[in-house]
Amino acid sequence: AYGHVSLRHPTEPNRFLLSCSRSPRLVDRGDIM
């Protein structure tokens, strides 16, 4: 419940995308920071 996955931003390589702090099974598009 405390694990997560991030992704390097596809067009800005000096940024990455990661959910706000919440369980990975509940993540939706609006949670991405």
ModelCIF file with pLDDT and N, C-alpha, C, O atoms, coordinates in Angstrom:
data_MODEL
#
_entry.id   MODEL 
#
_entity.id                         1 
_entity.type                       polymer 
_entity.pdbx_number_of_molecules   1 
#
_entity_poly.entity_id                      1 
_entity_poly.type                           'polypeptide(L)' 
_entity_poly.nstd_linkage                   no 
_entity_poly.nstd_monomer                   no 
_entity_poly.pdbx_seq_one_letter_code       AYGHVSLRHPTEPNRFLLSCSRSPRLVDRGDIM 
_entity_poly.pdbx_seq_one_letter_code_can   AYGHVSLRHPTEPNRFLLSCSRSPRLVDRGDIM 
_entity_poly.pdbx_strand_id                 A 
#
loop_
_entity_poly_seq.entity_id 
_entity_poly_seq.num 
_entity_poly_seq.mon_id 
_entity_poly_seq.hetero 
1 1  ALA n 
1 2  TYR n 
1 3  GLY n 
1 4  HIS n 
1 5  VAL n 
1 6  SER n 
1 7  LEU n 
1 8  ARG n 
1 9  HIS n 
1 10 PRO n 
1 11 THR n 
1 12 GLU n 
1 13 PRO n 
1 14 ASN n 
1 15 ARG n 
1 16 PHE n 
1 17 LEU n 
1 18 LEU n 
1 19 SER n 
1 20 CYS n 
1 21 SER n 
1 22 ARG n 
1 23 SER n 
1 24 PRO n 
1 25 ARG n 
1 26 LEU n 
1 27 VAL n 
1 28 ASP n 
1 29 ARG n 
1 30 GLY n 
1 31 ASP n 
1 32 ILE n 
1 33 MET n 
#
_struct_asym.id          A 
_struct_asym.entity_id   1 
#
loop_
_ma_qa_metric.id 
_ma_qa_metric.mode 
_ma_qa_metric.name 
_ma_qa_metric.software_group_id 
_ma_qa_metric.type 
1 global pLDDT . pLDDT 
2 local  pLDDT . pLDDT 
#
_ma_qa_metric_global.metric_id      1 
_ma_qa_metric_global.metric_value   94.94 
_ma_qa_metric_global.model_id       1 
_ma_qa_metric_global.ordinal_id     1 
#
loop_
_ma_qa_metric_local.label_asym_id 
_ma_qa_metric_local.label_comp_id 
_ma_qa_metric_local.label_seq_id 
_ma_qa_metric_local.metric_id 
_ma_qa_metric_local.metric_value 
_ma_qa_metric_local.model_id 
_ma_qa_metric_local.ordinal_id 
A ALA 1  2 82.00 1 1  
A TYR 2  2 83.00 1 2  
A GLY 3  2 89.00 1 3  
A HIS 4  2 92.00 1 4  
A VAL 5  2 96.00 1 5  
A SER 6  2 97.00 1 6  
A LEU 7  2 97.00 1 7  
A ARG 8  2 98.00 1 8  
A HIS 9  2 97.00 1 9  
A PRO 10 2 96.00 1 10 
A THR 11 2 96.00 1 11 
A GLU 12 2 96.00 1 12 
A PRO 13 2 96.00 1 13 
A ASN 14 2 97.00 1 14 
A ARG 15 2 97.00 1 15 
A PHE 16 2 98.00 1 16 
A LEU 17 2 98.00 1 17 
A LEU 18 2 97.00 1 18 
A SER 19 2 97.00 1 19 
A CYS 20 2 96.00 1 20 
A SER 21 2 94.00 1 21 
A ARG 22 2 93.00 1 22 
A SER 23 2 93.00 1 23 
A PRO 24 2 94.00 1 24 
A ARG 25 2 94.00 1 25 
A LEU 26 2 95.00 1 26 
A VAL 27 2 96.00 1 27 
A ASP 28 2 96.00 1 28 
A ARG 29 2 96.00 1 29 
A GLY 30 2 96.00 1 30 
A ASP 31 2 97.00 1 31 
A ILE 32 2 97.00 1 32 
A MET 33 2 97.00 1 33 
#
loop_
_atom_site.group_PDB 
_atom_site.id 
_atom_site.type_symbol 
_atom_site.label_atom_id 
_atom_site.label_alt_id 
_atom_site.label_comp_id 
_atom_site.label_asym_id 
_atom_site.label_entity_id 
_atom_site.label_seq_id 
_atom_site.pdbx_PDB_ins_code 
_atom_site.Cartn_x 
_atom_site.Cartn_y 
_atom_site.Cartn_z 
_atom_site.occupancy 
_atom_site.B_iso_or_equiv 
_atom_site.pdbx_formal_charge 
_atom_site.auth_seq_id 
_atom_site.auth_comp_id 
_atom_site.auth_asym_id 
_atom_site.auth_atom_id 
_atom_site.pdbx_PDB_model_num 
ATOM 1   N N  . ALA A 1 1  ? 0.811  -1.218 0.000   1.00 82.00 ? 1  ALA A N  1 
ATOM 2   C CA . ALA A 1 1  ? 0.000  0.000  0.000   1.00 82.00 ? 1  ALA A CA 1 
ATOM 3   C C  . ALA A 1 1  ? 0.842  1.264  0.000   1.00 82.00 ? 1  ALA A C  1 
ATOM 4   O O  . ALA A 1 1  ? 0.321  2.347  -0.269  1.00 82.00 ? 1  ALA A O  1 
ATOM 5   N N  . TYR A 1 2  ? 2.135  1.151  0.297   1.00 83.00 ? 2  TYR A N  1 
ATOM 6   C CA . TYR A 1 2  ? 3.018  2.314  0.336   1.00 83.00 ? 2  TYR A CA 1 
ATOM 7   C C  . TYR A 1 2  ? 3.992  2.339  -0.841  1.00 83.00 ? 2  TYR A C  1 
ATOM 8   O O  . TYR A 1 2  ? 4.822  3.244  -0.930  1.00 83.00 ? 2  TYR A O  1 
ATOM 9   N N  . GLY A 1 3  ? 3.907  1.383  -1.725  1.00 89.00 ? 3  GLY A N  1 
ATOM 10  C CA . GLY A 1 3  ? 4.775  1.349  -2.894  1.00 89.00 ? 3  GLY A CA 1 
ATOM 11  C C  . GLY A 1 3  ? 4.226  2.235  -3.997  1.00 89.00 ? 3  GLY A C  1 
ATOM 12  O O  . GLY A 1 3  ? 3.082  2.684  -3.938  1.00 89.00 ? 3  GLY A O  1 
ATOM 13  N N  . HIS A 1 4  ? 5.059  2.483  -5.008  1.00 92.00 ? 4  HIS A N  1 
ATOM 14  C CA . HIS A 1 4  ? 4.621  3.342  -6.101  1.00 92.00 ? 4  HIS A CA 1 
ATOM 15  C C  . HIS A 1 4  ? 5.577  3.220  -7.278  1.00 92.00 ? 4  HIS A C  1 
ATOM 16  O O  . HIS A 1 4  ? 6.677  2.680  -7.160  1.00 92.00 ? 4  HIS A O  1 
ATOM 17  N N  . VAL A 1 5  ? 5.132  3.730  -8.402  1.00 96.00 ? 5  VAL A N  1 
ATOM 18  C CA . VAL A 1 5  ? 5.938  3.729  -9.627  1.00 96.00 ? 5  VAL A CA 1 
ATOM 19  C C  . VAL A 1 5  ? 5.923  5.134  -10.208 1.00 96.00 ? 5  VAL A C  1 
ATOM 20  O O  . VAL A 1 5  ? 4.914  5.837  -10.154 1.00 96.00 ? 5  VAL A O  1 
ATOM 21  N N  . SER A 1 6  ? 7.054  5.527  -10.761 1.00 97.00 ? 6  SER A N  1 
ATOM 22  C CA . SER A 1 6  ? 7.149  6.833  -11.420 1.00 97.00 ? 6  SER A CA 1 
ATOM 23  C C  . SER A 1 6  ? 7.572  6.634  -12.864 1.00 97.00 ? 6  SER A C  1 
ATOM 24  O O  . SER A 1 6  ? 7.995  5.548  -13.262 1.00 97.00 ? 6  SER A O  1 
ATOM 25  N N  . LEU A 1 7  ? 7.452  7.695  -13.636 1.00 97.00 ? 7  LEU A N  1 
ATOM 26  C CA . LEU A 1 7  ? 7.763  7.655  -15.057 1.00 97.00 ? 7  LEU A CA 1 
ATOM 27  C C  . LEU A 1 7  ? 8.486  8.947  -15.426 1.00 97.00 ? 7  LEU A C  1 
ATOM 28  O O  . LEU A 1 7  ? 8.046  10.039 -15.067 1.00 97.00 ? 7  LEU A O  1 
ATOM 29  N N  . ARG A 1 8  ? 9.607  8.810  -16.152 1.00 98.00 ? 8  ARG A N  1 
ATOM 30  C CA . ARG A 1 8  ? 10.269 10.020 -16.645 1.00 98.00 ? 8  ARG A CA 1 
ATOM 31  C C  . ARG A 1 8  ? 9.301  10.724 -17.589 1.00 98.00 ? 8  ARG A C  1 
ATOM 32  O O  . ARG A 1 8  ? 8.638  10.077 -18.399 1.00 98.00 ? 8  ARG A O  1 
ATOM 33  N N  . HIS A 1 9  ? 9.222  12.027 -17.486 1.00 97.00 ? 9  HIS A N  1 
ATOM 34  C CA . HIS A 1 9  ? 8.312  12.792 -18.333 1.00 97.00 ? 9  HIS A CA 1 
ATOM 35  C C  . HIS A 1 9  ? 8.675  12.538 -19.795 1.00 97.00 ? 9  HIS A C  1 
ATOM 36  O O  . HIS A 1 9  ? 9.851  12.630 -20.147 1.00 97.00 ? 9  HIS A O  1 
ATOM 37  N N  . PRO A 1 10 ? 7.712  12.223 -20.655 1.00 96.00 ? 10 PRO A N  1 
ATOM 38  C CA . PRO A 1 10 ? 8.028  11.841 -22.036 1.00 96.00 ? 10 PRO A CA 1 
ATOM 39  C C  . PRO A 1 10 ? 8.597  12.966 -22.904 1.00 96.00 ? 10 PRO A C  1 
ATOM 40  O O  . PRO A 1 10 ? 9.304  12.687 -23.873 1.00 96.00 ? 10 PRO A O  1 
ATOM 41  N N  . THR A 1 11 ? 8.307  14.218 -22.583 1.00 96.00 ? 11 THR A N  1 
ATOM 42  C CA . THR A 1 11 ? 8.816  15.323 -23.400 1.00 96.00 ? 11 THR A CA 1 
ATOM 43  C C  . THR A 1 11 ? 9.758  16.252 -22.644 1.00 96.00 ? 11 THR A C  1 
ATOM 44  O O  . THR A 1 11 ? 10.414 17.092 -23.262 1.00 96.00 ? 11 THR A O  1 
ATOM 45  N N  . GLU A 1 12 ? 9.840  16.122 -21.335 1.00 96.00 ? 12 GLU A N  1 
ATOM 46  C CA . GLU A 1 12 ? 10.740 16.934 -20.513 1.00 96.00 ? 12 GLU A CA 1 
ATOM 47  C C  . GLU A 1 12 ? 11.605 15.986 -19.677 1.00 96.00 ? 12 GLU A C  1 
ATOM 48  O O  . GLU A 1 12 ? 11.230 15.652 -18.553 1.00 96.00 ? 12 GLU A O  1 
ATOM 49  N N  . PRO A 1 13 ? 12.748 15.550 -20.197 1.00 96.00 ? 13 PRO A N  1 
ATOM 50  C CA . PRO A 1 13 ? 13.549 14.526 -19.520 1.00 96.00 ? 13 PRO A CA 1 
ATOM 51  C C  . PRO A 1 13 ? 14.110 14.938 -18.167 1.00 96.00 ? 13 PRO A C  1 
ATOM 52  O O  . PRO A 1 13 ? 14.616 14.086 -17.437 1.00 96.00 ? 13 PRO A O  1 
ATOM 53  N N  . ASN A 1 14 ? 14.039 16.215 -17.809 1.00 97.00 ? 14 ASN A N  1 
ATOM 54  C CA . ASN A 1 14 ? 14.498 16.665 -16.497 1.00 97.00 ? 14 ASN A CA 1 
ATOM 55  C C  . ASN A 1 14 ? 13.363 16.744 -15.486 1.00 97.00 ? 14 ASN A C  1 
ATOM 56  O O  . ASN A 1 14 ? 13.468 17.416 -14.460 1.00 97.00 ? 14 ASN A O  1 
ATOM 57  N N  . ARG A 1 15 ? 12.279 16.048 -15.797 1.00 97.00 ? 15 ARG A N  1 
ATOM 58  C CA . ARG A 1 15 ? 11.130 15.945 -14.894 1.00 97.00 ? 15 ARG A CA 1 
ATOM 59  C C  . ARG A 1 15 ? 10.645 14.507 -14.869 1.00 97.00 ? 15 ARG A C  1 
ATOM 60  O O  . ARG A 1 15 ? 10.935 13.720 -15.770 1.00 97.00 ? 15 ARG A O  1 
ATOM 61  N N  . PHE A 1 16 ? 9.903  14.182 -13.822 1.00 98.00 ? 16 PHE A N  1 
ATOM 62  C CA . PHE A 1 16 ? 9.269  12.867 -13.786 1.00 98.00 ? 16 PHE A CA 1 
ATOM 63  C C  . PHE A 1 16 ? 7.879  12.991 -13.193 1.00 98.00 ? 16 PHE A C  1 
ATOM 64  O O  . PHE A 1 16 ? 7.553  13.975 -12.529 1.00 98.00 ? 16 PHE A O  1 
ATOM 65  N N  . LEU A 1 17 ? 7.071  11.982 -13.444 1.00 98.00 ? 17 LEU A N  1 
ATOM 66  C CA . LEU A 1 17 ? 5.679  11.932 -13.009 1.00 98.00 ? 17 LEU A CA 1 
ATOM 67  C C  . LEU A 1 17 ? 5.536  10.885 -11.917 1.00 98.00 ? 17 LEU A C  1 
ATOM 68  O O  . LEU A 1 17 ? 6.077  9.785  -12.024 1.00 98.00 ? 17 LEU A O  1 
ATOM 69  N N  . LEU A 1 18 ? 4.807  11.232 -10.869 1.00 97.00 ? 18 LEU A N  1 
ATOM 70  C CA . LEU A 1 18 ? 4.595  10.337 -9.731  1.00 97.00 ? 18 LEU A CA 1 
ATOM 71  C C  . LEU A 1 18 ? 3.287  10.749 -9.070  1.00 97.00 ? 18 LEU A C  1 
ATOM 72  O O  . LEU A 1 18 ? 2.973  11.936 -8.989  1.00 97.00 ? 18 LEU A O  1 
ATOM 73  N N  . SER A 1 19 ? 2.544  9.790  -8.610  1.00 97.00 ? 19 SER A N  1 
ATOM 74  C CA . SER A 1 19 ? 1.281  10.084 -7.933  1.00 97.00 ? 19 SER A CA 1 
ATOM 75  C C  . SER A 1 19 ? 1.519  10.853 -6.644  1.00 97.00 ? 19 SER A C  1 
ATOM 76  O O  . SER A 1 19 ? 2.603  10.795 -6.062  1.00 97.00 ? 19 SER A O  1 
ATOM 77  N N  . CYS A 1 20 ? 0.492  11.577 -6.202  1.00 96.00 ? 20 CYS A N  1 
ATOM 78  C CA . CYS A 1 20 ? 0.532  12.119 -4.848  1.00 96.00 ? 20 CYS A CA 1 
ATOM 79  C C  . CYS A 1 20 ? 0.521  10.917 -3.900  1.00 96.00 ? 20 CYS A C  1 
ATOM 80  O O  . CYS A 1 20 ? 0.296  9.787  -4.333  1.00 96.00 ? 20 CYS A O  1 
ATOM 81  N N  . SER A 1 21 ? 0.758  11.152 -2.646  1.00 94.00 ? 21 SER A N  1 
ATOM 82  C CA . SER A 1 21 ? 0.893  10.067 -1.681  1.00 94.00 ? 21 SER A CA 1 
ATOM 83  C C  . SER A 1 21 ? -0.450 9.377  -1.436  1.00 94.00 ? 21 SER A C  1 
ATOM 84  O O  . SER A 1 21 ? -1.297 9.867  -0.688  1.00 94.00 ? 21 SER A O  1 
ATOM 85  N N  . ARG A 1 22 ? -0.615 8.230  -2.088  1.00 93.00 ? 22 ARG A N  1 
ATOM 86  C CA . ARG A 1 22 ? -1.803 7.399  -1.883  1.00 93.00 ? 22 ARG A CA 1 
ATOM 87  C C  . ARG A 1 22 ? -1.509 5.984  -2.332  1.00 93.00 ? 22 ARG A C  1 
ATOM 88  O O  . ARG A 1 22 ? -0.541 5.748  -3.055  1.00 93.00 ? 22 ARG A O  1 
ATOM 89  N N  . SER A 1 23 ? -2.320 5.057  -1.919  1.00 93.00 ? 23 SER A N  1 
ATOM 90  C CA . SER A 1 23 ? -2.126 3.659  -2.271  1.00 93.00 ? 23 SER A CA 1 
ATOM 91  C C  . SER A 1 23 ? -2.125 3.478  -3.785  1.00 93.00 ? 23 SER A C  1 
ATOM 92  O O  . SER A 1 23 ? -2.975 4.048  -4.469  1.00 93.00 ? 23 SER A O  1 
ATOM 93  N N  . PRO A 1 24 ? -1.186 2.694  -4.324  1.00 94.00 ? 24 PRO A N  1 
ATOM 94  C CA . PRO A 1 24 ? -1.117 2.526  -5.776  1.00 94.00 ? 24 PRO A CA 1 
ATOM 95  C C  . PRO A 1 24 ? -2.377 1.908  -6.387  1.00 94.00 ? 24 PRO A C  1 
ATOM 96  O O  . PRO A 1 24 ? -2.662 2.138  -7.562  1.00 94.00 ? 24 PRO A O  1 
ATOM 97  N N  . ARG A 1 25 ? -3.117 1.145  -5.628  1.00 94.00 ? 25 ARG A N  1 
ATOM 98  C CA . ARG A 1 25 ? -4.329 0.549  -6.205  1.00 94.00 ? 25 ARG A CA 1 
ATOM 99  C C  . ARG A 1 25 ? -5.453 1.571  -6.375  1.00 94.00 ? 25 ARG A C  1 
ATOM 100 O O  . ARG A 1 25 ? -6.470 1.268  -6.999  1.00 94.00 ? 25 ARG A O  1 
ATOM 101 N N  . LEU A 1 26 ? -5.283 2.778  -5.828  1.00 95.00 ? 26 LEU A N  1 
ATOM 102 C CA . LEU A 1 26 ? -6.304 3.823  -5.939  1.00 95.00 ? 26 LEU A CA 1 
ATOM 103 C C  . LEU A 1 26 ? -5.925 4.956  -6.881  1.00 95.00 ? 26 LEU A C  1 
ATOM 104 O O  . LEU A 1 26 ? -6.731 5.856  -7.114  1.00 95.00 ? 26 LEU A O  1 
ATOM 105 N N  . VAL A 1 27 ? -4.715 4.928  -7.427  1.00 96.00 ? 27 VAL A N  1 
ATOM 106 C CA . VAL A 1 27 ? -4.213 6.033  -8.249  1.00 96.00 ? 27 VAL A CA 1 
ATOM 107 C C  . VAL A 1 27 ? -5.057 6.215  -9.504  1.00 96.00 ? 27 VAL A C  1 
ATOM 108 O O  . VAL A 1 27 ? -5.402 5.247  -10.181 1.00 96.00 ? 27 VAL A O  1 
ATOM 109 N N  . ASP A 1 28 ? -5.388 7.490  -9.809  1.00 96.00 ? 28 ASP A N  1 
ATOM 110 C CA . ASP A 1 28 ? -6.026 7.814  -11.086 1.00 96.00 ? 28 ASP A CA 1 
ATOM 111 C C  . ASP A 1 28 ? -5.291 9.005  -11.705 1.00 96.00 ? 28 ASP A C  1 
ATOM 112 O O  . ASP A 1 28 ? -4.377 9.554  -11.091 1.00 96.00 ? 28 ASP A O  1 
ATOM 113 N N  . ARG A 1 29 ? -5.680 9.403  -12.904 1.00 96.00 ? 29 ARG A N  1 
ATOM 114 C CA . ARG A 1 29 ? -4.947 10.454 -13.643 1.00 96.00 ? 29 ARG A CA 1 
ATOM 115 C C  . ARG A 1 29 ? -4.834 11.758 -12.868 1.00 96.00 ? 29 ARG A C  1 
ATOM 116 O O  . ARG A 1 29 ? -3.816 12.444 -12.953 1.00 96.00 ? 29 ARG A O  1 
ATOM 117 N N  . GLY A 1 30 ? -5.850 12.096 -12.128 1.00 96.00 ? 30 GLY A N  1 
ATOM 118 C CA . GLY A 1 30 ? -5.835 13.337 -11.363 1.00 96.00 ? 30 GLY A CA 1 
ATOM 119 C C  . GLY A 1 30 ? -4.851 13.340 -10.205 1.00 96.00 ? 30 GLY A C  1 
ATOM 120 O O  . GLY A 1 30 ? -4.584 14.394 -9.628  1.00 96.00 ? 30 GLY A O  1 
ATOM 121 N N  . ASP A 1 31 ? -4.310 12.188 -9.858  1.00 97.00 ? 31 ASP A N  1 
ATOM 122 C CA . ASP A 1 31 ? -3.362 12.087 -8.745  1.00 97.00 ? 31 ASP A CA 1 
ATOM 123 C C  . ASP A 1 31 ? -1.914 12.338 -9.158  1.00 97.00 ? 31 ASP A C  1 
ATOM 124 O O  . ASP A 1 31 ? -1.044 12.476 -8.299  1.00 97.00 ? 31 ASP A O  1 
ATOM 125 N N  . ILE A 1 32 ? -1.647 12.397 -10.455 1.00 97.00 ? 32 ILE A N  1 
ATOM 126 C CA . ILE A 1 32 ? -0.267 12.479 -10.933 1.00 97.00 ? 32 ILE A CA 1 
ATOM 127 C C  . ILE A 1 32 ? 0.289  13.890 -10.736 1.00 97.00 ? 32 ILE A C  1 
ATOM 128 O O  . ILE A 1 32 ? -0.341 14.883 -11.097 1.00 97.00 ? 32 ILE A O  1 
ATOM 129 N N  . MET A 1 33 ? 1.484  13.947 -10.153 1.00 97.00 ? 33 MET A N  1 
ATOM 130 C CA . MET A 1 33 ? 2.198  15.200 -9.903  1.00 97.00 ? 33 MET A CA 1 
ATOM 131 C C  . MET A 1 33 ? 3.467  15.234 -10.755 1.00 97.00 ? 33 MET A C  1 
ATOM 132 O O  . MET A 1 33 ? 4.221  16.206 -10.699 1.00 97.00 ? 33 MET A O  1 
#
